[in-house]
Structures are given as structure tokens and as C-alpha cells.
Amino acid sequence: IGELVTNVAGTGDGSPLGLRRDAAVLIE
């Protein structure tokens, strides 16, 4: 994933989107 929009605050990206770089998501 190049850019992950989580909408979770506290990632330090300064936007409301809670952005993460080089991320992954596990689904169960």
C-alpha cells in the first residue's frame, strides 16, 4: 500500500485521514 487512509487520529500526519505509508491491513 503506497498510502493508507485509516481515518484514525494520532498517526501524526496532521490531517483528519490518519495517513500511513508502506502499510498493510490484515482481514479476518
mmCIF file of all heavy atoms, coordinates in Angstrom:
data_MODEL
# 
_entry.id   MODEL 
# 
loop_
_atom_site.group_PDB 
_atom_site.id 
_atom_site.type_symbol 
_atom_site.label_atom_id 
_atom_site.label_alt_id 
_atom_site.label_comp_id 
_atom_site.label_asym_id 
_atom_site.label_entity_id 
_atom_site.label_seq_id 
_atom_site.pdbx_PDB_ins_code 
_atom_site.Cartn_x 
_atom_site.Cartn_y 
_atom_site.Cartn_z 
_atom_site.occupancy 
_atom_site.B_iso_or_equiv 
_atom_site.pdbx_formal_charge 
_atom_site.auth_seq_id 
_atom_site.auth_comp_id 
_atom_site.auth_asym_id 
_atom_site.auth_atom_id 
_atom_site.pdbx_PDB_model_num 
ATOM 1   N N   . ILE A 1 1  ? 0.853   -1.188  0.000  1.00 0.00 ? 1  ILE A N   1 
ATOM 2   C CA  . ILE A 1 1  ? 0.000   0.000   0.000  1.00 0.00 ? 1  ILE A CA  1 
ATOM 3   C C   . ILE A 1 1  ? 0.891   1.240   0.000  1.00 0.00 ? 1  ILE A C   1 
ATOM 4   O O   . ILE A 1 1  ? 1.726   1.416   0.899  1.00 0.00 ? 1  ILE A O   1 
ATOM 5   C CB  . ILE A 1 1  ? -0.917  0.023   1.244  1.00 0.00 ? 1  ILE A CB  1 
ATOM 6   C CG1 . ILE A 1 1  ? -1.832  -1.204  1.246  1.00 0.00 ? 1  ILE A CG1 1 
ATOM 7   C CG2 . ILE A 1 1  ? -1.725  1.312   1.299  1.00 0.00 ? 1  ILE A CG2 1 
ATOM 8   C CD1 . ILE A 1 1  ? -2.620  -1.383  2.540  1.00 0.00 ? 1  ILE A CD1 1 
ATOM 9   N N   . GLY A 1 2  ? 0.714   2.098   -0.981 1.00 0.00 ? 2  GLY A N   1 
ATOM 10  C CA  . GLY A 1 2  ? 1.505   3.322   -1.023 1.00 0.00 ? 2  GLY A CA  1 
ATOM 11  C C   . GLY A 1 2  ? 1.075   4.318   0.028  1.00 0.00 ? 2  GLY A C   1 
ATOM 12  O O   . GLY A 1 2  ? 1.894   4.942   0.701  1.00 0.00 ? 2  GLY A O   1 
ATOM 13  N N   . GLU A 1 3  ? -0.244  4.491   0.191  1.00 0.00 ? 3  GLU A N   1 
ATOM 14  C CA  . GLU A 1 3  ? -0.807  5.398   1.194  1.00 0.00 ? 3  GLU A CA  1 
ATOM 15  C C   . GLU A 1 3  ? -2.083  4.766   1.724  1.00 0.00 ? 3  GLU A C   1 
ATOM 16  O O   . GLU A 1 3  ? -2.964  4.380   0.959  1.00 0.00 ? 3  GLU A O   1 
ATOM 17  C CB  . GLU A 1 3  ? -1.131  6.750   0.565  1.00 0.00 ? 3  GLU A CB  1 
ATOM 18  C CG  . GLU A 1 3  ? -1.836  7.722   1.507  1.00 0.00 ? 3  GLU A CG  1 
ATOM 19  C CD  . GLU A 1 3  ? -2.339  8.962   0.785  1.00 0.00 ? 3  GLU A CD  1 
ATOM 20  O OE1 . GLU A 1 3  ? -3.468  8.926   0.223  1.00 0.00 ? 3  GLU A OE1 1 
ATOM 21  O OE2 . GLU A 1 3  ? -1.604  9.962   0.764  1.00 0.00 ? 3  GLU A OE2 1 
ATOM 22  N N   . LEU A 1 4  ? -2.176  4.636   3.042  1.00 0.00 ? 4  LEU A N   1 
ATOM 23  C CA  . LEU A 1 4  ? -3.348  4.066   3.677  1.00 0.00 ? 4  LEU A CA  1 
ATOM 24  C C   . LEU A 1 4  ? -4.106  5.167   4.413  1.00 0.00 ? 4  LEU A C   1 
ATOM 25  O O   . LEU A 1 4  ? -3.557  5.830   5.291  1.00 0.00 ? 4  LEU A O   1 
ATOM 26  C CB  . LEU A 1 4  ? -2.959  2.966   4.656  1.00 0.00 ? 4  LEU A CB  1 
ATOM 27  C CG  . LEU A 1 4  ? -4.117  2.321   5.439  1.00 0.00 ? 4  LEU A CG  1 
ATOM 28  C CD1 . LEU A 1 4  ? -5.047  1.561   4.500  1.00 0.00 ? 4  LEU A CD1 1 
ATOM 29  C CD2 . LEU A 1 4  ? -3.583  1.397   6.532  1.00 0.00 ? 4  LEU A CD2 1 
ATOM 30  N N   . VAL A 1 5  ? -5.370  5.355   4.041  1.00 0.00 ? 5  VAL A N   1 
ATOM 31  C CA  . VAL A 1 5  ? -6.263  6.266   4.761  1.00 0.00 ? 5  VAL A CA  1 
ATOM 32  C C   . VAL A 1 5  ? -7.001  5.446   5.807  1.00 0.00 ? 5  VAL A C   1 
ATOM 33  O O   . VAL A 1 5  ? -7.776  4.549   5.466  1.00 0.00 ? 5  VAL A O   1 
ATOM 34  C CB  . VAL A 1 5  ? -7.263  6.932   3.796  1.00 0.00 ? 5  VAL A CB  1 
ATOM 35  C CG1 . VAL A 1 5  ? -8.305  7.733   4.575  1.00 0.00 ? 5  VAL A CG1 1 
ATOM 36  C CG2 . VAL A 1 5  ? -6.538  7.815   2.791  1.00 0.00 ? 5  VAL A CG2 1 
ATOM 37  N N   . THR A 1 6  ? -6.760  5.741   7.085  1.00 0.00 ? 6  THR A N   1 
ATOM 38  C CA  . THR A 1 6  ? -7.414  4.989   8.153  1.00 0.00 ? 6  THR A CA  1 
ATOM 39  C C   . THR A 1 6  ? -8.572  5.749   8.803  1.00 0.00 ? 6  THR A C   1 
ATOM 40  O O   . THR A 1 6  ? -9.458  5.148   9.386  1.00 0.00 ? 6  THR A O   1 
ATOM 41  C CB  . THR A 1 6  ? -6.413  4.630   9.270  1.00 0.00 ? 6  THR A CB  1 
ATOM 42  O OG1 . THR A 1 6  ? -5.978  5.833   9.921  1.00 0.00 ? 6  THR A OG1 1 
ATOM 43  C CG2 . THR A 1 6  ? -5.218  3.873   8.708  1.00 0.00 ? 6  THR A CG2 1 
ATOM 44  N N   . ASN A 1 7  ? -8.526  7.098   8.731  1.00 0.00 ? 7  ASN A N   1 
ATOM 45  C CA  . ASN A 1 7  ? -9.461  7.958   9.471  1.00 0.00 ? 7  ASN A CA  1 
ATOM 46  C C   . ASN A 1 7  ? -9.352  7.752   10.980 1.00 0.00 ? 7  ASN A C   1 
ATOM 47  O O   . ASN A 1 7  ? -10.311 7.995   11.720 1.00 0.00 ? 7  ASN A O   1 
ATOM 48  C CB  . ASN A 1 7  ? -10.911 7.745   9.009  1.00 0.00 ? 7  ASN A CB  1 
ATOM 49  C CG  . ASN A 1 7  ? -11.165 8.301   7.617  1.00 0.00 ? 7  ASN A CG  1 
ATOM 50  O OD1 . ASN A 1 7  ? -10.478 9.225   7.183  1.00 0.00 ? 7  ASN A OD1 1 
ATOM 51  N ND2 . ASN A 1 7  ? -12.129 7.747   6.920  1.00 0.00 ? 7  ASN A ND2 1 
ATOM 52  N N   . VAL A 1 8  ? -8.184  7.315   11.416 1.00 0.00 ? 8  VAL A N   1 
ATOM 53  C CA  . VAL A 1 8  ? -7.907  7.140   12.840 1.00 0.00 ? 8  VAL A CA  1 
ATOM 54  C C   . VAL A 1 8  ? -6.923  8.220   13.262 1.00 0.00 ? 8  VAL A C   1 
ATOM 55  O O   . VAL A 1 8  ? -5.832  8.334   12.693 1.00 0.00 ? 8  VAL A O   1 
ATOM 56  C CB  . VAL A 1 8  ? -7.319  5.748   13.135 1.00 0.00 ? 8  VAL A CB  1 
ATOM 57  C CG1 . VAL A 1 8  ? -6.947  5.633   14.609 1.00 0.00 ? 8  VAL A CG1 1 
ATOM 58  C CG2 . VAL A 1 8  ? -8.313  4.664   12.745 1.00 0.00 ? 8  VAL A CG2 1 
ATOM 59  N N   . ALA A 1 9  ? -7.300  9.011   14.242 1.00 0.00 ? 9  ALA A N   1 
ATOM 60  C CA  . ALA A 1 9  ? -6.434  10.104  14.706 1.00 0.00 ? 9  ALA A CA  1 
ATOM 61  C C   . ALA A 1 9  ? -5.211  9.549   15.408 1.00 0.00 ? 9  ALA A C   1 
ATOM 62  O O   . ALA A 1 9  ? -5.190  8.411   15.879 1.00 0.00 ? 9  ALA A O   1 
ATOM 63  C CB  . ALA A 1 9  ? -7.212  11.013  15.651 1.00 0.00 ? 9  ALA A CB  1 
ATOM 64  N N   . GLY A 1 10 ? -4.166  10.368  15.468 1.00 0.00 ? 10 GLY A N   1 
ATOM 65  C CA  . GLY A 1 10 ? -2.987  10.026  16.245 1.00 0.00 ? 10 GLY A CA  1 
ATOM 66  C C   . GLY A 1 10 ? -1.834  9.457   15.468 1.00 0.00 ? 10 GLY A C   1 
ATOM 67  O O   . GLY A 1 10 ? -0.847  9.012   16.063 1.00 0.00 ? 10 GLY A O   1 
ATOM 68  N N   . THR A 1 11 ? -1.923  9.474   14.131 1.00 0.00 ? 11 THR A N   1 
ATOM 69  C CA  . THR A 1 11 ? -0.797  8.966   13.347 1.00 0.00 ? 11 THR A CA  1 
ATOM 70  C C   . THR A 1 11 ? 0.257   10.037  13.104 1.00 0.00 ? 11 THR A C   1 
ATOM 71  O O   . THR A 1 11 ? 1.319   9.745   12.562 1.00 0.00 ? 11 THR A O   1 
ATOM 72  C CB  . THR A 1 11 ? -1.278  8.434   11.985 1.00 0.00 ? 11 THR A CB  1 
ATOM 73  O OG1 . THR A 1 11 ? -1.862  9.513   11.241 1.00 0.00 ? 11 THR A OG1 1 
ATOM 74  C CG2 . THR A 1 11 ? -2.298  7.331   12.159 1.00 0.00 ? 11 THR A CG2 1 
ATOM 75  N N   . GLY A 1 12 ? -0.064  11.279  13.495 1.00 0.00 ? 12 GLY A N   1 
ATOM 76  C CA  . GLY A 1 12 ? 0.927   12.342  13.368 1.00 0.00 ? 12 GLY A CA  1 
ATOM 77  C C   . GLY A 1 12 ? 1.033   12.949  11.993 1.00 0.00 ? 12 GLY A C   1 
ATOM 78  O O   . GLY A 1 12 ? 1.947   13.734  11.727 1.00 0.00 ? 12 GLY A O   1 
ATOM 79  N N   . ASP A 1 13 ? 0.099   12.631  11.087 1.00 0.00 ? 13 ASP A N   1 
ATOM 80  C CA  . ASP A 1 13 ? 0.188   13.167  9.726  1.00 0.00 ? 13 ASP A CA  1 
ATOM 81  C C   . ASP A 1 13 ? -0.407  14.560  9.617  1.00 0.00 ? 13 ASP A C   1 
ATOM 82  O O   . ASP A 1 13 ? -0.255  15.224  8.592  1.00 0.00 ? 13 ASP A O   1 
ATOM 83  C CB  . ASP A 1 13 ? -0.505  12.227  8.739  1.00 0.00 ? 13 ASP A CB  1 
ATOM 84  C CG  . ASP A 1 13 ? -2.018  12.199  8.927  1.00 0.00 ? 13 ASP A CG  1 
ATOM 85  O OD1 . ASP A 1 13 ? -2.448  11.910  10.059 1.00 0.00 ? 13 ASP A OD1 1 
ATOM 86  O OD2 . ASP A 1 13 ? -2.742  12.469  7.961  1.00 0.00 ? 13 ASP A OD2 1 
ATOM 87  N N   . GLY A 1 14 ? -1.110  15.038  10.662 1.00 0.00 ? 14 GLY A N   1 
ATOM 88  C CA  . GLY A 1 14 ? -1.657  16.382  10.655 1.00 0.00 ? 14 GLY A CA  1 
ATOM 89  C C   . GLY A 1 14 ? -2.934  16.543  9.853  1.00 0.00 ? 14 GLY A C   1 
ATOM 90  O O   . GLY A 1 14 ? -3.448  17.651  9.743  1.00 0.00 ? 14 GLY A O   1 
ATOM 91  N N   . SER A 1 15 ? -3.473  15.480  9.281  1.00 0.00 ? 15 SER A N   1 
ATOM 92  C CA  . SER A 1 15 ? -4.730  15.562  8.535  1.00 0.00 ? 15 SER A CA  1 
ATOM 93  C C   . SER A 1 15 ? -5.773  14.732  9.270  1.00 0.00 ? 15 SER A C   1 
ATOM 94  O O   . SER A 1 15 ? -5.444  13.951  10.166 1.00 0.00 ? 15 SER A O   1 
ATOM 95  C CB  . SER A 1 15 ? -4.539  15.031  7.108  1.00 0.00 ? 15 SER A CB  1 
ATOM 96  O OG  . SER A 1 15 ? -4.725  13.627  7.071  1.00 0.00 ? 15 SER A OG  1 
ATOM 97  N N   . PRO A 1 16 ? -7.052  14.875  8.870  1.00 0.00 ? 16 PRO A N   1 
ATOM 98  C CA  . PRO A 1 16 ? -8.079  14.042  9.522  1.00 0.00 ? 16 PRO A CA  1 
ATOM 99  C C   . PRO A 1 16 ? -8.070  12.601  9.047  1.00 0.00 ? 16 PRO A C   1 
ATOM 100 O O   . PRO A 1 16 ? -8.847  11.791  9.561  1.00 0.00 ? 16 PRO A O   1 
ATOM 101 C CB  . PRO A 1 16 ? -9.380  14.738  9.099  1.00 0.00 ? 16 PRO A CB  1 
ATOM 102 C CG  . PRO A 1 16 ? -9.066  15.389  7.799  1.00 0.00 ? 16 PRO A CG  1 
ATOM 103 C CD  . PRO A 1 16 ? -7.628  15.823  7.900  1.00 0.00 ? 16 PRO A CD  1 
ATOM 104 N N   . LEU A 1 17 ? -7.192  12.270  8.110  1.00 0.00 ? 17 LEU A N   1 
ATOM 105 C CA  . LEU A 1 17 ? -7.264  10.974  7.455  1.00 0.00 ? 17 LEU A CA  1 
ATOM 106 C C   . LEU A 1 17 ? -6.456  9.883   8.137  1.00 0.00 ? 17 LEU A C   1 
ATOM 107 O O   . LEU A 1 17 ? -6.582  8.713   7.785  1.00 0.00 ? 17 LEU A O   1 
ATOM 108 C CB  . LEU A 1 17 ? -6.812  11.089  5.991  1.00 0.00 ? 17 LEU A CB  1 
ATOM 109 C CG  . LEU A 1 17 ? -7.648  12.011  5.112  1.00 0.00 ? 17 LEU A CG  1 
ATOM 110 C CD1 . LEU A 1 17 ? -7.128  11.998  3.680  1.00 0.00 ? 17 LEU A CD1 1 
ATOM 111 C CD2 . LEU A 1 17 ? -9.115  11.633  5.147  1.00 0.00 ? 17 LEU A CD2 1 
ATOM 112 N N   . GLY A 1 18 ? -5.615  10.233  9.103  1.00 0.00 ? 18 GLY A N   1 
ATOM 113 C CA  . GLY A 1 18 ? -4.810  9.204   9.767  1.00 0.00 ? 18 GLY A CA  1 
ATOM 114 C C   . GLY A 1 18 ? -3.968  8.426   8.774  1.00 0.00 ? 18 GLY A C   1 
ATOM 115 O O   . GLY A 1 18 ? -4.004  7.192   8.738  1.00 0.00 ? 18 GLY A O   1 
ATOM 116 N N   . LEU A 1 19 ? -3.191  9.132   7.971  1.00 0.00 ? 19 LEU A N   1 
ATOM 117 C CA  . LEU A 1 19 ? -2.457  8.501   6.877  1.00 0.00 ? 19 LEU A CA  1 
ATOM 118 C C   . LEU A 1 19 ? -1.289  7.659   7.388  1.00 0.00 ? 19 LEU A C   1 
ATOM 119 O O   . LEU A 1 19 ? -0.596  8.029   8.336  1.00 0.00 ? 19 LEU A O   1 
ATOM 120 C CB  . LEU A 1 19 ? -1.918  9.566   5.917  1.00 0.00 ? 19 LEU A CB  1 
ATOM 121 C CG  . LEU A 1 19 ? -2.957  10.436  5.213  1.00 0.00 ? 19 LEU A CG  1 
ATOM 122 C CD1 . LEU A 1 19 ? -2.265  11.474  4.342  1.00 0.00 ? 19 LEU A CD1 1 
ATOM 123 C CD2 . LEU A 1 19 ? -3.899  9.577   4.386  1.00 0.00 ? 19 LEU A CD2 1 
ATOM 124 N N   . ARG A 1 20 ? -1.089  6.531   6.733  1.00 0.00 ? 20 ARG A N   1 
ATOM 125 C CA  . ARG A 1 20 ? 0.072   5.671   6.977  1.00 0.00 ? 20 ARG A CA  1 
ATOM 126 C C   . ARG A 1 20 ? 0.735   5.366   5.643  1.00 0.00 ? 20 ARG A C   1 
ATOM 127 O O   . ARG A 1 20 ? 0.051   5.205   4.622  1.00 0.00 ? 20 ARG A O   1 
ATOM 128 C CB  . ARG A 1 20 ? -0.326  4.357   7.648  1.00 0.00 ? 20 ARG A CB  1 
ATOM 129 C CG  . ARG A 1 20 ? -0.760  4.480   9.105  1.00 0.00 ? 20 ARG A CG  1 
ATOM 130 C CD  . ARG A 1 20 ? -1.237  3.126   9.621  1.00 0.00 ? 20 ARG A CD  1 
ATOM 131 N NE  . ARG A 1 20 ? -1.517  3.123   11.045 1.00 0.00 ? 20 ARG A NE  1 
ATOM 132 C CZ  . ARG A 1 20 ? -0.658  2.743   11.980 1.00 0.00 ? 20 ARG A CZ  1 
ATOM 133 N NH1 . ARG A 1 20 ? 0.561   2.325   11.636 1.00 0.00 ? 20 ARG A NH1 1 
ATOM 134 N NH2 . ARG A 1 20 ? -0.994  2.749   13.257 1.00 0.00 ? 20 ARG A NH2 1 
ATOM 135 N N   . ARG A 1 21 ? 2.048   5.282   5.653  1.00 0.00 ? 21 ARG A N   1 
ATOM 136 C CA  . ARG A 1 21 ? 2.811   4.932   4.446  1.00 0.00 ? 21 ARG A CA  1 
ATOM 137 C C   . ARG A 1 21 ? 3.363   3.517   4.599  1.00 0.00 ? 21 ARG A C   1 
ATOM 138 O O   . ARG A 1 21 ? 3.615   3.048   5.712  1.00 0.00 ? 21 ARG A O   1 
ATOM 139 C CB  . ARG A 1 21 ? 3.977   5.910   4.246  1.00 0.00 ? 21 ARG A CB  1 
ATOM 140 C CG  . ARG A 1 21 ? 3.590   7.374   4.339  1.00 0.00 ? 21 ARG A CG  1 
ATOM 141 C CD  . ARG A 1 21 ? 2.838   7.849   3.132  1.00 0.00 ? 21 ARG A CD  1 
ATOM 142 N NE  . ARG A 1 21 ? 2.419   9.238   3.272  1.00 0.00 ? 21 ARG A NE  1 
ATOM 143 C CZ  . ARG A 1 21 ? 1.699   9.901   2.393  1.00 0.00 ? 21 ARG A CZ  1 
ATOM 144 N NH1 . ARG A 1 21 ? 1.310   9.286   1.278  1.00 0.00 ? 21 ARG A NH1 1 
ATOM 145 N NH2 . ARG A 1 21 ? 1.346   11.152  2.609  1.00 0.00 ? 21 ARG A NH2 1 
ATOM 146 N N   . ASP A 1 22 ? 3.537   2.849   3.464  1.00 0.00 ? 22 ASP A N   1 
ATOM 147 C CA  . ASP A 1 22 ? 4.109   1.495   3.457  1.00 0.00 ? 22 ASP A CA  1 
ATOM 148 C C   . ASP A 1 22 ? 3.415   0.608   4.485  1.00 0.00 ? 22 ASP A C   1 
ATOM 149 O O   . ASP A 1 22 ? 4.058   -0.081  5.276  1.00 0.00 ? 22 ASP A O   1 
ATOM 150 C CB  . ASP A 1 22 ? 5.613   1.553   3.727  1.00 0.00 ? 22 ASP A CB  1 
ATOM 151 C CG  . ASP A 1 22 ? 6.340   2.374   2.672  1.00 0.00 ? 22 ASP A CG  1 
ATOM 152 O OD1 . ASP A 1 22 ? 6.005   2.216   1.482  1.00 0.00 ? 22 ASP A OD1 1 
ATOM 153 O OD2 . ASP A 1 22 ? 7.208   3.174   3.037  1.00 0.00 ? 22 ASP A OD2 1 
ATOM 154 N N   . ALA A 1 23 ? 2.104   0.623   4.452  1.00 0.00 ? 23 ALA A N   1 
ATOM 155 C CA  . ALA A 1 23 ? 1.315   -0.078  5.461  1.00 0.00 ? 23 ALA A CA  1 
ATOM 156 C C   . ALA A 1 23 ? 0.704   -1.358  4.890  1.00 0.00 ? 23 ALA A C   1 
ATOM 157 O O   . ALA A 1 23 ? 0.772   -1.635  3.689  1.00 0.00 ? 23 ALA A O   1 
ATOM 158 C CB  . ALA A 1 23 ? 0.210   0.841   5.984  1.00 0.00 ? 23 ALA A CB  1 
ATOM 159 N N   . ALA A 1 24 ? 0.112   -2.125  5.780  1.00 0.00 ? 24 ALA A N   1 
ATOM 160 C CA  . ALA A 1 24 ? -0.624  -3.330  5.403  1.00 0.00 ? 24 ALA A CA  1 
ATOM 161 C C   . ALA A 1 24 ? -1.842  -3.452  6.308  1.00 0.00 ? 24 ALA A C   1 
ATOM 162 O O   . ALA A 1 24 ? -1.878  -2.894  7.409  1.00 0.00 ? 24 ALA A O   1 
ATOM 163 C CB  . ALA A 1 24 ? 0.256   -4.566  5.518  1.00 0.00 ? 24 ALA A CB  1 
ATOM 164 N N   . VAL A 1 25 ? -2.841  -4.192  5.816  1.00 0.00 ? 25 VAL A N   1 
ATOM 165 C CA  . VAL A 1 25 ? -4.087  -4.414  6.559  1.00 0.00 ? 25 VAL A CA  1 
ATOM 166 C C   . VAL A 1 25 ? -4.378  -5.909  6.540  1.00 0.00 ? 25 VAL A C   1 
ATOM 167 O O   . VAL A 1 25 ? -4.414  -6.526  5.469  1.00 0.00 ? 25 VAL A O   1 
ATOM 168 C CB  . VAL A 1 25 ? -5.272  -3.650  5.927  1.00 0.00 ? 25 VAL A CB  1 
ATOM 169 C CG1 . VAL A 1 25 ? -6.561  -3.945  6.682  1.00 0.00 ? 25 VAL A CG1 1 
ATOM 170 C CG2 . VAL A 1 25 ? -5.001  -2.149  5.897  1.00 0.00 ? 25 VAL A CG2 1 
ATOM 171 N N   . LEU A 1 26 ? -4.596  -6.492  7.717  1.00 0.00 ? 26 LEU A N   1 
ATOM 172 C CA  . LEU A 1 26 ? -4.976  -7.895  7.825  1.00 0.00 ? 26 LEU A CA  1 
ATOM 173 C C   . LEU A 1 26 ? -6.471  -7.981  8.092  1.00 0.00 ? 26 LEU A C   1 
ATOM 174 O O   . LEU A 1 26 ? -6.998  -7.292  8.974  1.00 0.00 ? 26 LEU A O   1 
ATOM 175 C CB  . LEU A 1 26 ? -4.214  -8.575  8.963  1.00 0.00 ? 26 LEU A CB  1 
ATOM 176 C CG  . LEU A 1 26 ? -4.529  -10.067 9.159  1.00 0.00 ? 26 LEU A CG  1 
ATOM 177 C CD1 . LEU A 1 26 ? -3.981  -10.889 7.987  1.00 0.00 ? 26 LEU A CD1 1 
ATOM 178 C CD2 . LEU A 1 26 ? -3.979  -10.577 10.494 1.00 0.00 ? 26 LEU A CD2 1 
ATOM 179 N N   . ILE A 1 27 ? -7.135  -8.845  7.330  1.00 0.00 ? 27 ILE A N   1 
ATOM 180 C CA  . ILE A 1 27 ? -8.576  -9.030  7.442  1.00 0.00 ? 27 ILE A CA  1 
ATOM 181 C C   . ILE A 1 27 ? -8.855  -10.466 7.850  1.00 0.00 ? 27 ILE A C   1 
ATOM 182 O O   . ILE A 1 27 ? -8.296  -11.407 7.287  1.00 0.00 ? 27 ILE A O   1 
ATOM 183 C CB  . ILE A 1 27 ? -9.252  -8.732  6.092  1.00 0.00 ? 27 ILE A CB  1 
ATOM 184 C CG1 . ILE A 1 27 ? -9.048  -7.264  5.710  1.00 0.00 ? 27 ILE A CG1 1 
ATOM 185 C CG2 . ILE A 1 27 ? -10.731 -9.086  6.120  1.00 0.00 ? 27 ILE A CG2 1 
ATOM 186 C CD1 . ILE A 1 27 ? -9.405  -6.954  4.269  1.00 0.00 ? 27 ILE A CD1 1 
ATOM 187 N N   . GLU A 1 28 ? -9.731  -10.621 8.855  1.00 0.00 ? 28 GLU A N   1 
ATOM 188 C CA  . GLU A 1 28 ? -10.168 -11.945 9.292  1.00 0.00 ? 28 GLU A CA  1 
ATOM 189 C C   . GLU A 1 28 ? -11.666 -11.907 9.550  1.00 0.00 ? 28 GLU A C   1 
ATOM 190 O O   . GLU A 1 28 ? -12.158 -11.002 10.241 1.00 0.00 ? 28 GLU A O   1 
ATOM 191 C CB  . GLU A 1 28 ? -9.431  -12.376 10.572 1.00 0.00 ? 28 GLU A CB  1 
ATOM 192 C CG  . GLU A 1 28 ? -7.944  -12.604 10.369 1.00 0.00 ? 28 GLU A CG  1 
ATOM 193 C CD  . GLU A 1 28 ? -7.240  -12.988 11.655 1.00 0.00 ? 28 GLU A CD  1 
ATOM 194 O OE1 . GLU A 1 28 ? -7.843  -12.783 12.741 1.00 0.00 ? 28 GLU A OE1 1 
ATOM 195 O OE2 . GLU A 1 28 ? -6.098  -13.487 11.586 1.00 0.00 ? 28 GLU A OE2 1 
# 
